[in-house]
């Protein structure tokens, strides 16, 4: 008699879950960026990584993730209103 095959799952990052793949601070930062992209006058550009780190307490990797997520938010807002 053979034992049934079981799948082992790789360990997940502690912050990662099925419902919220990004931490809440990353989502808040991404929403903030997406909101600013349409409201920032031309020529008023701040260095975004230091701003995200100071304003939301993110690491470099989390800030980069928030920037990518903000791009997705912007695309969805343009597509779906």
C-alpha atoms as a PDB file:
ATOM      1  CA  UNK A   1       0.000   0.000   0.000  1.00  0.00           C
ATOM      2  CA  UNK A   2       1.389   3.384  -0.945  1.00  0.00           C
ATOM      3  CA  UNK A   3       0.958   6.553   1.018  1.00  0.00           C
ATOM      4  CA  UNK A   4      -0.978   9.345  -0.657  1.00  0.00           C
ATOM      5  CA  UNK A   5       1.121  12.087  -2.153  1.00  0.00           C
ATOM      6  CA  UNK A   6       0.953  15.279  -0.161  1.00  0.00           C
ATOM      7  CA  UNK A   7       2.046  18.656  -1.421  1.00  0.00           C
ATOM      8  CA  UNK A   8       4.265  20.679   0.838  1.00  0.00           C
ATOM      9  CA  UNK A   9       3.940  24.390   0.593  1.00  0.00           C
ATOM     10  CA  UNK A  10       6.805  26.840   0.658  1.00  0.00           C
ATOM     11  CA  UNK A  11       6.887  29.108   3.673  1.00  0.00           C
ATOM     12  CA  UNK A  12       5.104  32.397   3.087  1.00  0.00           C
ATOM     13  CA  UNK A  13       6.385  35.776   4.066  1.00  0.00           C
ATOM     14  CA  UNK A  14       4.801  36.702   7.445  1.00  0.00           C
ATOM     15  CA  UNK A  15       3.120  39.752   5.918  1.00  0.00           C
ATOM     16  CA  UNK A  16       1.747  37.823   2.964  1.00  0.00           C
ATOM     17  CA  UNK A  17      -1.762  36.426   3.044  1.00  0.00           C
ATOM     18  CA  UNK A  18      -4.323  35.369   0.490  1.00  0.00           C
ATOM     19  CA  UNK A  19      -6.593  38.310   1.252  1.00  0.00           C
ATOM     20  CA  UNK A  20      -4.010  41.081   1.385  1.00  0.00           C
ATOM     21  CA  UNK A  21      -0.810  40.309  -0.516  1.00  0.00           C
ATOM     22  CA  UNK A  22       0.706  43.666   0.442  1.00  0.00           C
ATOM     23  CA  UNK A  23       0.995  45.058   3.935  1.00  0.00           C
ATOM     24  CA  UNK A  24      -1.474  47.800   4.848  1.00  0.00           C
ATOM     25  CA  UNK A  25       1.288  50.413   5.022  1.00  0.00           C
ATOM     26  CA  UNK A  26       2.345  49.548   1.469  1.00  0.00           C
ATOM     27  CA  UNK A  27      -1.251  49.839   0.238  1.00  0.00           C
ATOM     28  CA  UNK A  28      -1.679  53.218   1.980  1.00  0.00           C
ATOM     29  CA  UNK A  29       1.548  54.485   0.439  1.00  0.00           C
ATOM     30  CA  UNK A  30       0.508  53.228  -3.014  1.00  0.00           C
ATOM     31  CA  UNK A  31      -2.880  54.950  -2.702  1.00  0.00           C
ATOM     32  CA  UNK A  32      -1.134  58.151  -1.656  1.00  0.00           C
ATOM     33  CA  UNK A  33       1.156  57.997  -4.700  1.00  0.00           C
ATOM     34  CA  UNK A  34      -1.727  57.218  -7.067  1.00  0.00           C
ATOM     35  CA  UNK A  35      -3.719  60.158  -5.658  1.00  0.00           C
ATOM     36  CA  UNK A  36      -0.756  62.524  -6.007  1.00  0.00           C
ATOM     37  CA  UNK A  37       0.036  61.560  -9.605  1.00  0.00           C
ATOM     38  CA  UNK A  38      -3.031  63.368 -10.891  1.00  0.00           C
ATOM     39  CA  UNK A  39      -2.806  66.283  -8.418  1.00  0.00           C
ATOM     40  CA  UNK A  40       0.880  67.231  -8.593  1.00  0.00           C
ATOM     41  CA  UNK A  41       1.573  70.342 -10.670  1.00  0.00           C
ATOM     42  CA  UNK A  42       4.307  70.080 -13.282  1.00  0.00           C
ATOM     43  CA  UNK A  43       7.756  70.743 -11.866  1.00  0.00           C
ATOM     44  CA  UNK A  44       6.758  69.882  -8.271  1.00  0.00           C
ATOM     45  CA  UNK A  45       8.587  66.572  -8.011  1.00  0.00           C
ATOM     46  CA  UNK A  46       9.970  65.258  -4.730  1.00  0.00           C
ATOM     47  CA  UNK A  47      12.322  62.296  -4.351  1.00  0.00           C
ATOM     48  CA  UNK A  48       9.731  59.573  -3.827  1.00  0.00           C
ATOM     49  CA  UNK A  49      11.753  56.872  -2.013  1.00  0.00           C
ATOM     50  CA  UNK A  50      12.923  59.098   0.876  1.00  0.00           C
ATOM     51  CA  UNK A  51       9.438  60.605   1.072  1.00  0.00           C
ATOM     52  CA  UNK A  52       7.770  57.181   1.345  1.00  0.00           C
ATOM     53  CA  UNK A  53      10.308  55.991   3.896  1.00  0.00           C
ATOM     54  CA  UNK A  54       9.813  59.069   6.078  1.00  0.00           C
ATOM     55  CA  UNK A  55       6.043  59.420   5.654  1.00  0.00           C
ATOM     56  CA  UNK A  56       5.024  55.746   5.936  1.00  0.00           C
ATOM     57  CA  UNK A  57       8.036  54.147   7.664  1.00  0.00           C
ATOM     58  CA  UNK A  58       8.759  51.795   4.758  1.00  0.00           C
ATOM     59  CA  UNK A  59      11.964  49.999   3.882  1.00  0.00           C
ATOM     60  CA  UNK A  60      13.517  50.496   0.444  1.00  0.00           C
ATOM     61  CA  UNK A  61      11.958  47.234  -0.794  1.00  0.00           C
ATOM     62  CA  UNK A  62       8.523  48.151   0.586  1.00  0.00           C
ATOM     63  CA  UNK A  63       8.719  51.619  -0.964  1.00  0.00           C
ATOM     64  CA  UNK A  64       9.593  50.105  -4.343  1.00  0.00           C
ATOM     65  CA  UNK A  65       6.662  47.698  -3.980  1.00  0.00           C
ATOM     66  CA  UNK A  66       4.349  50.634  -3.186  1.00  0.00           C
ATOM     67  CA  UNK A  67       5.513  52.462  -6.322  1.00  0.00           C
ATOM     68  CA  UNK A  68       4.750  49.424  -8.488  1.00  0.00           C
ATOM     69  CA  UNK A  69       1.367  48.949  -6.815  1.00  0.00           C
ATOM     70  CA  UNK A  70       0.544  52.637  -7.365  1.00  0.00           C
ATOM     71  CA  UNK A  71       1.122  52.124 -11.074  1.00  0.00           C
ATOM     72  CA  UNK A  72      -1.398  49.281 -11.039  1.00  0.00           C
ATOM     73  CA  UNK A  73      -3.876  51.466  -9.130  1.00  0.00           C
ATOM     74  CA  UNK A  74      -3.469  54.249 -11.697  1.00  0.00           C
ATOM     75  CA  UNK A  75      -4.074  51.869 -14.608  1.00  0.00           C
ATOM     76  CA  UNK A  76      -7.203  50.469 -12.941  1.00  0.00           C
ATOM     77  CA  UNK A  77      -8.505  53.961 -12.178  1.00  0.00           C
ATOM     78  CA  UNK A  78      -8.081  55.012 -15.800  1.00  0.00           C
ATOM     79  CA  UNK A  79      -9.678  51.792 -17.085  1.00  0.00           C
ATOM     80  CA  UNK A  80     -12.599  51.533 -14.671  1.00  0.00           C
ATOM     81  CA  UNK A  81     -13.062  55.090 -13.466  1.00  0.00           C
END
